[in-house]
Amino acid sequence: MSRTDIALLAVAAYIAVMTLVRLMKGRRDTLVADVQRQVDARRGQKRPAKTQDKAA
């Protein structure tokens, strides 16, 4: 392998790793947002039930 081949391989590896990191970060952000929506929905459902129990 020549120096040019090694340099191209290093650049390609860098681009591949950075692309993978961006994809993983986007997936993580999507999952966090989904879980946050679920938590908010469950909190919204539980709060009225608790206030009704106290009133009764």
PDB file of N, CA and C in Angstrom:
ATOM      1  N   MET A   1       0.842  -1.188   0.000  1.00  0.00           N
ATOM      2  CA  MET A   1       0.000   0.000   0.000  1.00  0.00           C
ATOM      3  C   MET A   1       0.883   1.247   0.000  1.00  0.00           C
ATOM      4  N   SER A   2       0.508   2.158  -0.815  1.00  0.00           N
ATOM      5  CA  SER A   2       1.258   3.405  -0.873  1.00  0.00           C
ATOM      6  C   SER A   2       0.682   4.409   0.135  1.00  0.00           C
ATOM      7  N   ARG A   3       1.349   5.492   0.280  1.00  0.00           N
ATOM      8  CA  ARG A   3       0.877   6.529   1.210  1.00  0.00           C
ATOM      9  C   ARG A   3      -0.470   7.082   0.761  1.00  0.00           C
ATOM     10  N   THR A   4      -0.668   7.177  -0.524  1.00  0.00           N
ATOM     11  CA  THR A   4      -1.940   7.668  -1.051  1.00  0.00           C
ATOM     12  C   THR A   4      -3.077   6.724  -0.674  1.00  0.00           C
ATOM     13  N   ASP A   5      -2.840   5.425  -0.801  1.00  0.00           N
ATOM     14  CA  ASP A   5      -3.866   4.442  -0.427  1.00  0.00           C
ATOM     15  C   ASP A   5      -4.212   4.530   1.053  1.00  0.00           C
ATOM     16  N   ILE A   6      -3.207   4.676   1.871  1.00  0.00           N
ATOM     17  CA  ILE A   6      -3.432   4.778   3.317  1.00  0.00           C
ATOM     18  C   ILE A   6      -4.197   6.058   3.648  1.00  0.00           C
ATOM     19  N   ALA A   7      -3.841   7.147   2.989  1.00  0.00           N
ATOM     20  CA  ALA A   7      -4.531   8.418   3.221  1.00  0.00           C
ATOM     21  C   ALA A   7      -6.001   8.315   2.803  1.00  0.00           C
ATOM     22  N   LEU A   8      -6.253   7.717   1.644  1.00  0.00           N
ATOM     23  CA  LEU A   8      -7.636   7.548   1.194  1.00  0.00           C
ATOM     24  C   LEU A   8      -8.418   6.637   2.124  1.00  0.00           C
ATOM     25  N   LEU A   9      -7.791   5.582   2.601  1.00  0.00           N
ATOM     26  CA  LEU A   9      -8.436   4.676   3.543  1.00  0.00           C
ATOM     27  C   LEU A   9      -8.771   5.390   4.850  1.00  0.00           C
ATOM     28  N   ALA A  10      -7.856   6.220   5.319  1.00  0.00           N
ATOM     29  CA  ALA A  10      -8.093   6.973   6.549  1.00  0.00           C
ATOM     30  C   ALA A  10      -9.251   7.958   6.373  1.00  0.00           C
ATOM     31  N   VAL A  11      -9.299   8.630   5.247  1.00  0.00           N
ATOM     32  CA  VAL A  11     -10.386   9.576   4.975  1.00  0.00           C
ATOM     33  C   VAL A  11     -11.720   8.839   4.875  1.00  0.00           C
ATOM     34  N   ALA A  12     -11.730   7.719   4.186  1.00  0.00           N
ATOM     35  CA  ALA A  12     -12.959   6.942   4.052  1.00  0.00           C
ATOM     36  C   ALA A  12     -13.423   6.417   5.406  1.00  0.00           C
ATOM     37  N   ALA A  13     -12.496   5.964   6.240  1.00  0.00           N
ATOM     38  CA  ALA A  13     -12.854   5.479   7.578  1.00  0.00           C
ATOM     39  C   ALA A  13     -13.408   6.618   8.422  1.00  0.00           C
ATOM     40  N   TYR A  14     -12.806   7.783   8.345  1.00  0.00           N
ATOM     41  CA  TYR A  14     -13.294   8.945   9.094  1.00  0.00           C
ATOM     42  C   TYR A  14     -14.717   9.304   8.672  1.00  0.00           C
ATOM     43  N   ILE A  15     -14.960   9.342   7.374  1.00  0.00           N
ATOM     44  CA  ILE A  15     -16.298   9.677   6.874  1.00  0.00           C
ATOM     45  C   ILE A  15     -17.314   8.626   7.321  1.00  0.00           C
ATOM     46  N   ALA A  16     -16.922   7.349   7.264  1.00  0.00           N
ATOM     47  CA  ALA A  16     -17.832   6.278   7.677  1.00  0.00           C
ATOM     48  C   ALA A  16     -18.170   6.384   9.161  1.00  0.00           C
ATOM     49  N   VAL A  17     -17.170   6.638   9.979  1.00  0.00           N
ATOM     50  CA  VAL A  17     -17.414   6.746  11.427  1.00  0.00           C
ATOM     51  C   VAL A  17     -18.280   7.964  11.735  1.00  0.00           C
ATOM     52  N   MET A  18     -17.997   9.086  11.126  1.00  0.00           N
ATOM     53  CA  MET A  18     -18.788  10.286  11.383  1.00  0.00           C
ATOM     54  C   MET A  18     -20.237  10.118  10.921  1.00  0.00           C
ATOM     55  N   THR A  19     -20.434   9.440   9.800  1.00  0.00           N
ATOM     56  CA  THR A  19     -21.786   9.175   9.329  1.00  0.00           C
ATOM     57  C   THR A  19     -22.534   8.268  10.295  1.00  0.00           C
ATOM     58  N   LEU A  20     -21.870   7.241  10.775  1.00  0.00           N
ATOM     59  CA  LEU A  20     -22.481   6.334  11.743  1.00  0.00           C
ATOM     60  C   LEU A  20     -22.842   7.058  13.034  1.00  0.00           C
ATOM     61  N   VAL A  21     -21.965   7.929  13.492  1.00  0.00           N
ATOM     62  CA  VAL A  21     -22.239   8.695  14.711  1.00  0.00           C
ATOM     63  C   VAL A  21     -23.464   9.583  14.520  1.00  0.00           C
ATOM     64  N   ARG A  22     -23.565  10.229  13.383  1.00  0.00           N
ATOM     65  CA  ARG A  22     -24.726  11.089  13.121  1.00  0.00           C
ATOM     66  C   ARG A  22     -26.018  10.278  13.054  1.00  0.00           C
ATOM     67  N   LEU A  23     -25.965   9.121  12.412  1.00  0.00           N
ATOM     68  CA  LEU A  23     -27.156   8.276  12.349  1.00  0.00           C
ATOM     69  C   LEU A  23     -27.577   7.800  13.735  1.00  0.00           C
ATOM     70  N   MET A  24     -26.609   7.394  14.539  1.00  0.00           N
ATOM     71  CA  MET A  24     -26.911   6.917  15.882  1.00  0.00           C
ATOM     72  C   MET A  24     -27.460   8.046  16.755  1.00  0.00           C
ATOM     73  N   LYS A  25     -26.926   9.238  16.602  1.00  0.00           N
ATOM     74  CA  LYS A  25     -27.413  10.377  17.373  1.00  0.00           C
ATOM     75  C   LYS A  25     -28.852  10.728  16.979  1.00  0.00           C
ATOM     76  N   GLY A  26     -29.136  10.687  15.695  1.00  0.00           N
ATOM     77  CA  GLY A  26     -30.504  10.943  15.242  1.00  0.00           C
ATOM     78  C   GLY A  26     -31.481   9.902  15.760  1.00  0.00           C
ATOM     79  N   ARG A  27     -31.074   8.649  15.748  1.00  0.00           N
ATOM     80  CA  ARG A  27     -31.923   7.567  16.271  1.00  0.00           C
ATOM     81  C   ARG A  27     -32.154   7.734  17.766  1.00  0.00           C
ATOM     82  N   ARG A  28     -31.083   8.095  18.494  1.00  0.00           N
ATOM     83  CA  ARG A  28     -31.213   8.317  19.935  1.00  0.00           C
ATOM     84  C   ARG A  28     -32.174   9.459  20.226  1.00  0.00           C
ATOM     85  N   ASP A  29     -32.061  10.550  19.492  1.00  0.00           N
ATOM     86  CA  ASP A  29     -32.944  11.694  19.708  1.00  0.00           C
ATOM     87  C   ASP A  29     -34.395  11.324  19.432  1.00  0.00           C
ATOM     88  N   THR A  30     -34.609  10.506  18.402  1.00  0.00           N
ATOM     89  CA  THR A  30     -35.963  10.051  18.087  1.00  0.00           C
ATOM     90  C   THR A  30     -36.520   9.184  19.211  1.00  0.00           C
ATOM     91  N   LEU A  31     -35.716   8.270  19.713  1.00  0.00           N
ATOM     92  CA  LEU A  31     -36.162   7.402  20.803  1.00  0.00           C
ATOM     93  C   LEU A  31     -36.431   8.189  22.072  1.00  0.00           C
ATOM     94  N   VAL A  32     -35.580   9.140  22.394  1.00  0.00           N
ATOM     95  CA  VAL A  32     -35.782   9.962  23.593  1.00  0.00           C
ATOM     96  C   VAL A  32     -37.070  10.763  23.471  1.00  0.00           C
ATOM     97  N   ALA A  33     -37.326  11.326  22.319  1.00  0.00           N
ATOM     98  CA  ALA A  33     -38.555  12.090  22.115  1.00  0.00           C
ATOM     99  C   ALA A  33     -39.781  11.190  22.236  1.00  0.00           C
ATOM    100  N   ASP A  34     -39.700   9.985  21.696  1.00  0.00           N
ATOM    101  CA  ASP A  34     -40.818   9.042  21.787  1.00  0.00           C
ATOM    102  C   ASP A  34     -41.089   8.644  23.234  1.00  0.00           C
ATOM    103  N   VAL A  35     -40.050   8.329  23.972  1.00  0.00           N
ATOM    104  CA  VAL A  35     -40.219   7.959  25.380  1.00  0.00           C
ATOM    105  C   VAL A  35     -40.758   9.145  26.174  1.00  0.00           C
ATOM    106  N   GLN A  36     -40.289  10.330  25.886  1.00  0.00           N
ATOM    107  CA  GLN A  36     -40.773  11.519  26.589  1.00  0.00           C
ATOM    108  C   GLN A  36     -42.264  11.738  26.325  1.00  0.00           C
ATOM    109  N   ARG A  37     -42.704  11.515  25.090  1.00  0.00           N
ATOM    110  CA  ARG A  37     -44.140  11.636  24.775  1.00  0.00           C
ATOM    111  C   ARG A  37     -44.941  10.598  25.547  1.00  0.00           C
ATOM    112  N   GLN A  38     -44.417   9.377  25.641  1.00  0.00           N
ATOM    113  CA  GLN A  38     -45.120   8.336  26.385  1.00  0.00           C
ATOM    114  C   GLN A  38     -45.209   8.678  27.862  1.00  0.00           C
ATOM    115  N   VAL A  39     -44.134   9.184  28.430  1.00  0.00           N
ATOM    116  CA  VAL A  39     -44.140   9.571  29.846  1.00  0.00           C
ATOM    117  C   VAL A  39     -45.135  10.691  30.077  1.00  0.00           C
ATOM    118  N   ASP A  40     -45.126  11.684  29.220  1.00  0.00           N
ATOM    119  CA  ASP A  40     -46.067  12.792  29.356  1.00  0.00           C
ATOM    120  C   ASP A  40     -47.509  12.311  29.233  1.00  0.00           C
ATOM    121  N   ALA A  41     -47.756  11.381  28.314  1.00  0.00           N
ATOM    122  CA  ALA A  41     -49.114  10.861  28.132  1.00  0.00           C
ATOM    123  C   ALA A  41     -49.560  10.090  29.371  1.00  0.00           C
ATOM    124  N   ARG A  42     -48.687   9.293  29.938  1.00  0.00           N
ATOM    125  CA  ARG A  42     -49.051   8.532  31.139  1.00  0.00           C
ATOM    126  C   ARG A  42     -49.248   9.444  32.335  1.00  0.00           C
ATOM    127  N   ARG A  43     -48.430  10.446  32.459  1.00  0.00           N
ATOM    128  CA  ARG A  43     -48.618  11.404  33.557  1.00  0.00           C
ATOM    129  C   ARG A  43     -49.942  12.125  33.404  1.00  0.00           C
ATOM    130  N   GLY A  44     -50.294  12.469  32.171  1.00  0.00           N
ATOM    131  CA  GLY A  44     -51.568  13.141  31.910  1.00  0.00           C
ATOM    132  C   GLY A  44     -52.749  12.251  32.237  1.00  0.00           C
ATOM    133  N   GLN A  45     -52.629  10.955  32.021  1.00  0.00           N
ATOM    134  CA  GLN A  45     -53.716  10.027  32.313  1.00  0.00           C
ATOM    135  C   GLN A  45     -53.846   9.788  33.812  1.00  0.00           C
ATOM    136  N   LYS A  46     -52.742   9.731  34.525  1.00  0.00           N
ATOM    137  CA  LYS A  46     -52.778   9.401  35.942  1.00  0.00           C
ATOM    138  C   LYS A  46     -53.238  10.570  36.795  1.00  0.00           C
ATOM    139  N   ARG A  47     -52.924  11.782  36.433  1.00  0.00           N
ATOM    140  CA  ARG A  47     -53.264  12.941  37.260  1.00  0.00           C
ATOM    141  C   ARG A  47     -54.772  13.102  37.463  1.00  0.00           C
ATOM    142  N   PRO A  48     -55.585  13.051  36.422  1.00  0.00           N
ATOM    143  CA  PRO A  48     -57.027  13.197  36.671  1.00  0.00           C
ATOM    144  C   PRO A  48     -57.591  12.070  37.535  1.00  0.00           C
ATOM    145  N   ALA A  49     -57.077  10.865  37.392  1.00  0.00           N
ATOM    146  CA  ALA A  49     -57.566   9.742  38.187  1.00  0.00           C
ATOM    147  C   ALA A  49     -57.270   9.982  39.663  1.00  0.00           C
ATOM    148  N   LYS A  50     -56.129  10.523  39.980  1.00  0.00           N
ATOM    149  CA  LYS A  50     -55.771  10.785  41.368  1.00  0.00           C
ATOM    150  C   LYS A  50     -56.625  11.911  41.952  1.00  0.00           C
ATOM    151  N   THR A  51     -56.886  12.931  41.169  1.00  0.00           N
ATOM    152  CA  THR A  51     -57.693  14.043  41.704  1.00  0.00           C
ATOM    153  C   THR A  51     -59.140  13.597  41.897  1.00  0.00           C
ATOM    154  N   GLN A  52     -59.636  12.693  41.063  1.00  0.00           N
ATOM    155  CA  GLN A  52     -60.989  12.189  41.242  1.00  0.00           C
ATOM    156  C   GLN A  52     -61.087  11.331  42.490  1.00  0.00           C
ATOM    157  N   ASP A  53     -60.051  10.540  42.783  1.00  0.00           N
ATOM    158  CA  ASP A  53     -60.071   9.709  43.975  1.00  0.00           C
ATOM    159  C   ASP A  53     -60.084  10.571  45.236  1.00  0.00           C
ATOM    160  N   LYS A  54     -59.356  11.654  45.241  1.00  0.00           N
ATOM    161  CA  LYS A  54     -59.309  12.523  46.416  1.00  0.00           C
ATOM    162  C   LYS A  54     -60.649  13.232  46.618  1.00  0.00           C
ATOM    163  N   ALA A  55     -61.313  13.579  45.535  1.00  0.00           N
ATOM    164  CA  ALA A  55     -62.581  14.284  45.629  1.00  0.00           C
ATOM    165  C   ALA A  55     -63.699  13.361  46.097  1.00  0.00           C
ATOM    166  N   ALA A  56     -63.589  12.089  45.811  1.00  0.00           N
ATOM    167  CA  ALA A  56     -64.666  11.152  46.153  1.00  0.00           C
ATOM    168  C   ALA A  56     -64.693  10.751  47.586  1.00  0.00           C
TER     169      ALA A  56
END
